[in-house]
Amino acid sequence: MAETGYCVKCKGKKDMKDEQKVTMKNGRAAMKGKCPDCGTGMYKILGNK
């Protein structure tokens, strides 16, 4: 399952590499991964479901 996120360094949407589901301090779910091209950390906040 490749989650799509926005890379601020490449300035475009890419499929995350090594993504993992995390829970933020406020209790919301998010996906955390790396950009496949430059290796910058990517973060995508998921819905409340």
PDB file of N, CA and C in Angstrom:
ATOM      1  N   MET A   1       0.849  -1.181   0.000  1.00  0.00           N
ATOM      2  CA  MET A   1       0.000   0.000   0.000  1.00  0.00           C
ATOM      3  C   MET A   1       0.886   1.233   0.000  1.00  0.00           C
ATOM      4  N   ALA A   2       0.998   1.889  -1.112  1.00  0.00           N
ATOM      5  CA  ALA A   2       1.809   3.101  -1.207  1.00  0.00           C
ATOM      6  C   ALA A   2       0.912   4.314  -0.997  1.00  0.00           C
ATOM      7  N   GLU A   3       1.165   5.027   0.068  1.00  0.00           N
ATOM      8  CA  GLU A   3       0.389   6.219   0.397  1.00  0.00           C
ATOM      9  C   GLU A   3       1.028   7.418  -0.317  1.00  0.00           C
ATOM     10  N   THR A   4       0.217   8.272  -0.903  1.00  0.00           N
ATOM     11  CA  THR A   4       0.713   9.445  -1.611  1.00  0.00           C
ATOM     12  C   THR A   4       0.787  10.628  -0.655  1.00  0.00           C
ATOM     13  N   GLY A   5       1.895  11.351  -0.711  1.00  0.00           N
ATOM     14  CA  GLY A   5       2.080  12.531   0.114  1.00  0.00           C
ATOM     15  C   GLY A   5       2.766  13.626  -0.684  1.00  0.00           C
ATOM     16  N   TYR A   6       2.932  14.793  -0.081  1.00  0.00           N
ATOM     17  CA  TYR A   6       3.553  15.925  -0.756  1.00  0.00           C
ATOM     18  C   TYR A   6       4.965  16.112  -0.224  1.00  0.00           C
ATOM     19  N   CYS A   7       5.945  16.161  -1.122  1.00  0.00           N
ATOM     20  CA  CYS A   7       7.333  16.408  -0.738  1.00  0.00           C
ATOM     21  C   CYS A   7       7.612  17.896  -0.903  1.00  0.00           C
ATOM     22  N   VAL A   8       7.989  18.564   0.183  1.00  0.00           N
ATOM     23  CA  VAL A   8       8.232  20.003   0.128  1.00  0.00           C
ATOM     24  C   VAL A   8       9.550  20.330  -0.564  1.00  0.00           C
ATOM     25  N   LYS A   9      10.477  19.384  -0.583  1.00  0.00           N
ATOM     26  CA  LYS A   9      11.764  19.621  -1.238  1.00  0.00           C
ATOM     27  C   LYS A   9      11.642  19.472  -2.757  1.00  0.00           C
ATOM     28  N   CYS A  10      10.943  18.433  -3.210  1.00  0.00           N
ATOM     29  CA  CYS A  10      10.741  18.200  -4.653  1.00  0.00           C
ATOM     30  C   CYS A  10       9.571  19.018  -5.206  1.00  0.00           C
ATOM     31  N   LYS A  11       8.728  19.528  -4.321  1.00  0.00           N
ATOM     32  CA  LYS A  11       7.534  20.304  -4.676  1.00  0.00           C
ATOM     33  C   LYS A  11       6.581  19.522  -5.574  1.00  0.00           C
ATOM     34  N   GLY A  12       6.228  18.317  -5.125  1.00  0.00           N
ATOM     35  CA  GLY A  12       5.282  17.514  -5.883  1.00  0.00           C
ATOM     36  C   GLY A  12       4.768  16.344  -5.068  1.00  0.00           C
ATOM     37  N   LYS A  13       3.685  15.727  -5.562  1.00  0.00           N
ATOM     38  CA  LYS A  13       3.103  14.564  -4.895  1.00  0.00           C
ATOM     39  C   LYS A  13       3.856  13.318  -5.333  1.00  0.00           C
ATOM     40  N   LYS A  14       4.184  12.473  -4.361  1.00  0.00           N
ATOM     41  CA  LYS A  14       4.923  11.240  -4.627  1.00  0.00           C
ATOM     42  C   LYS A  14       4.388  10.141  -3.717  1.00  0.00           C
ATOM     43  N   ASP A  15       4.651   8.900  -4.097  1.00  0.00           N
ATOM     44  CA  ASP A  15       4.336   7.764  -3.238  1.00  0.00           C
ATOM     45  C   ASP A  15       5.416   7.643  -2.177  1.00  0.00           C
ATOM     46  N   MET A  16       5.007   7.529  -0.919  1.00  0.00           N
ATOM     47  CA  MET A  16       5.960   7.438   0.190  1.00  0.00           C
ATOM     48  C   MET A  16       6.690   6.102   0.190  1.00  0.00           C
ATOM     49  N   LYS A  17       7.904   6.112   0.673  1.00  0.00           N
ATOM     50  CA  LYS A  17       8.696   4.904   0.849  1.00  0.00           C
ATOM     51  C   LYS A  17       8.834   4.661   2.344  1.00  0.00           C
ATOM     52  N   ASP A  18       8.798   3.410   2.762  1.00  0.00           N
ATOM     53  CA  ASP A  18       8.934   3.027   4.178  1.00  0.00           C
ATOM     54  C   ASP A  18       7.885   3.706   5.054  1.00  0.00           C
ATOM     55  N   GLU A  19       6.632   3.734   4.584  1.00  0.00           N
ATOM     56  CA  GLU A  19       5.598   4.430   5.359  1.00  0.00           C
ATOM     57  C   GLU A  19       5.145   3.592   6.543  1.00  0.00           C
ATOM     58  N   GLN A  20       4.720   4.295   7.587  1.00  0.00           N
ATOM     59  CA  GLN A  20       4.175   3.635   8.770  1.00  0.00           C
ATOM     60  C   GLN A  20       3.085   4.515   9.362  1.00  0.00           C
ATOM     61  N   LYS A  21       2.079   3.869   9.918  1.00  0.00           N
ATOM     62  CA  LYS A  21       0.958   4.600  10.512  1.00  0.00           C
ATOM     63  C   LYS A  21       1.331   4.997  11.931  1.00  0.00           C
ATOM     64  N   VAL A  22       1.145   6.274  12.260  1.00  0.00           N
ATOM     65  CA  VAL A  22       1.463   6.794  13.587  1.00  0.00           C
ATOM     66  C   VAL A  22       0.256   7.550  14.126  1.00  0.00           C
ATOM     67  N   THR A  23       0.240   7.770  15.428  1.00  0.00           N
ATOM     68  CA  THR A  23      -0.793   8.566  16.078  1.00  0.00           C
ATOM     69  C   THR A  23      -0.145   9.824  16.634  1.00  0.00           C
ATOM     70  N   MET A  24      -0.707  10.972  16.274  1.00  0.00           N
ATOM     71  CA  MET A  24      -0.165  12.242  16.745  1.00  0.00           C
ATOM     72  C   MET A  24      -0.577  12.494  18.188  1.00  0.00           C
ATOM     73  N   LYS A  25      -0.008  13.515  18.807  1.00  0.00           N
ATOM     74  CA  LYS A  25      -0.309  13.829  20.207  1.00  0.00           C
ATOM     75  C   LYS A  25      -1.784  14.112  20.441  1.00  0.00           C
ATOM     76  N   ASN A  26      -2.443  14.718  19.435  1.00  0.00           N
ATOM     77  CA  ASN A  26      -3.858  15.053  19.609  1.00  0.00           C
ATOM     78  C   ASN A  26      -4.779  13.873  19.310  1.00  0.00           C
ATOM     79  N   GLY A  27      -4.218  12.693  19.002  1.00  0.00           N
ATOM     80  CA  GLY A  27      -5.025  11.500  18.809  1.00  0.00           C
ATOM     81  C   GLY A  27      -5.381  11.191  17.364  1.00  0.00           C
ATOM     82  N   ARG A  28      -5.033  12.061  16.432  1.00  0.00           N
ATOM     83  CA  ARG A  28      -5.353  11.824  15.027  1.00  0.00           C
ATOM     84  C   ARG A  28      -4.336  10.892  14.390  1.00  0.00           C
ATOM     85  N   ALA A  29      -4.783  10.163  13.379  1.00  0.00           N
ATOM     86  CA  ALA A  29      -3.908   9.224  12.677  1.00  0.00           C
ATOM     87  C   ALA A  29      -3.166   9.938  11.556  1.00  0.00           C
ATOM     88  N   ALA A  30      -1.946   9.482  11.286  1.00  0.00           N
ATOM     89  CA  ALA A  30      -1.141  10.054  10.213  1.00  0.00           C
ATOM     90  C   ALA A  30      -0.245   8.974   9.632  1.00  0.00           C
ATOM     91  N   MET A  31       0.238   9.204   8.411  1.00  0.00           N
ATOM     92  CA  MET A  31       1.200   8.323   7.772  1.00  0.00           C
ATOM     93  C   MET A  31       2.522   9.069   7.689  1.00  0.00           C
ATOM     94  N   LYS A  32       3.594   8.375   8.054  1.00  0.00           N
ATOM     95  CA  LYS A  32       4.918   8.962   8.062  1.00  0.00           C
ATOM     96  C   LYS A  32       5.804   8.127   7.153  1.00  0.00           C
ATOM     97  N   GLY A  33       6.562   8.780   6.266  1.00  0.00           N
ATOM     98  CA  GLY A  33       7.417   8.048   5.348  1.00  0.00           C
ATOM     99  C   GLY A  33       8.515   8.926   4.789  1.00  0.00           C
ATOM    100  N   LYS A  34       9.165   8.441   3.730  1.00  0.00           N
ATOM    101  CA  LYS A  34      10.252   9.177   3.101  1.00  0.00           C
ATOM    102  C   LYS A  34       9.976   9.329   1.614  1.00  0.00           C
ATOM    103  N   CYS A  35      10.506  10.399   1.029  1.00  0.00           N
ATOM    104  CA  CYS A  35      10.403  10.633  -0.404  1.00  0.00           C
ATOM    105  C   CYS A  35      11.333   9.640  -1.110  1.00  0.00           C
ATOM    106  N   PRO A  36      10.841   8.954  -2.156  1.00  0.00           N
ATOM    107  CA  PRO A  36      11.688   7.983  -2.840  1.00  0.00           C
ATOM    108  C   PRO A  36      12.837   8.624  -3.622  1.00  0.00           C
ATOM    109  N   ASP A  37      12.714   9.895  -3.986  1.00  0.00           N
ATOM    110  CA  ASP A  37      13.751  10.555  -4.788  1.00  0.00           C
ATOM    111  C   ASP A  37      14.830  11.220  -3.943  1.00  0.00           C
ATOM    112  N   CYS A  38      14.416  12.056  -2.969  1.00  0.00           N
ATOM    113  CA  CYS A  38      15.403  12.831  -2.217  1.00  0.00           C
ATOM    114  C   CYS A  38      15.596  12.353  -0.777  1.00  0.00           C
ATOM    115  N   GLY A  39      14.693  11.505  -0.257  1.00  0.00           N
ATOM    116  CA  GLY A  39      14.844  10.973   1.093  1.00  0.00           C
ATOM    117  C   GLY A  39      14.323  11.878   2.193  1.00  0.00           C
ATOM    118  N   THR A  40      13.695  12.980   1.844  1.00  0.00           N
ATOM    119  CA  THR A  40      13.134  13.888   2.831  1.00  0.00           C
ATOM    120  C   THR A  40      11.935  13.246   3.525  1.00  0.00           C
ATOM    121  N   GLY A  41      11.756  13.528   4.806  1.00  0.00           N
ATOM    122  CA  GLY A  41      10.628  12.999   5.552  1.00  0.00           C
ATOM    123  C   GLY A  41       9.321  13.579   5.053  1.00  0.00           C
ATOM    124  N   MET A  42       8.320  12.710   4.860  1.00  0.00           N
ATOM    125  CA  MET A  42       6.998  13.130   4.410  1.00  0.00           C
ATOM    126  C   MET A  42       5.980  12.737   5.478  1.00  0.00           C
ATOM    127  N   TYR A  43       4.910  13.507   5.566  1.00  0.00           N
ATOM    128  CA  TYR A  43       3.894  13.310   6.588  1.00  0.00           C
ATOM    129  C   TYR A  43       2.538  13.584   5.967  1.00  0.00           C
ATOM    130  N   LYS A  44       1.574  12.706   6.197  1.00  0.00           N
ATOM    131  CA  LYS A  44       0.216  12.929   5.687  1.00  0.00           C
ATOM    132  C   LYS A  44      -0.772  12.647   6.800  1.00  0.00           C
ATOM    133  N   ILE A  45      -1.614  13.636   7.105  1.00  0.00           N
ATOM    134  CA  ILE A  45      -2.641  13.477   8.138  1.00  0.00           C
ATOM    135  C   ILE A  45      -3.830  12.760   7.510  1.00  0.00           C
ATOM    136  N   LEU A  46      -4.284  11.700   8.173  1.00  0.00           N
ATOM    137  CA  LEU A  46      -5.402  10.900   7.684  1.00  0.00           C
ATOM    138  C   LEU A  46      -6.702  11.376   8.295  1.00  0.00           C
ATOM    139  N   GLY A  47      -7.816  10.864   7.782  1.00  0.00           N
ATOM    140  CA  GLY A  47      -9.128  11.244   8.279  1.00  0.00           C
ATOM    141  C   GLY A  47      -9.404  10.706   9.666  1.00  0.00           C
ATOM    142  N   ASN A  48     -10.524  11.068  10.234  1.00  0.00           N
ATOM    143  CA  ASN A  48     -10.879  10.674  11.586  1.00  0.00           C
ATOM    144  C   ASN A  48     -11.389   9.246  11.689  1.00  0.00           C
ATOM    145  N   LYS A  49     -11.616   8.588  10.578  1.00  0.00           N
ATOM    146  CA  LYS A  49     -12.196   7.244  10.588  1.00  0.00           C
ATOM    147  C   LYS A  49     -11.251   6.191  11.080  1.00  0.00           C
TER     148      LYS A  49
END
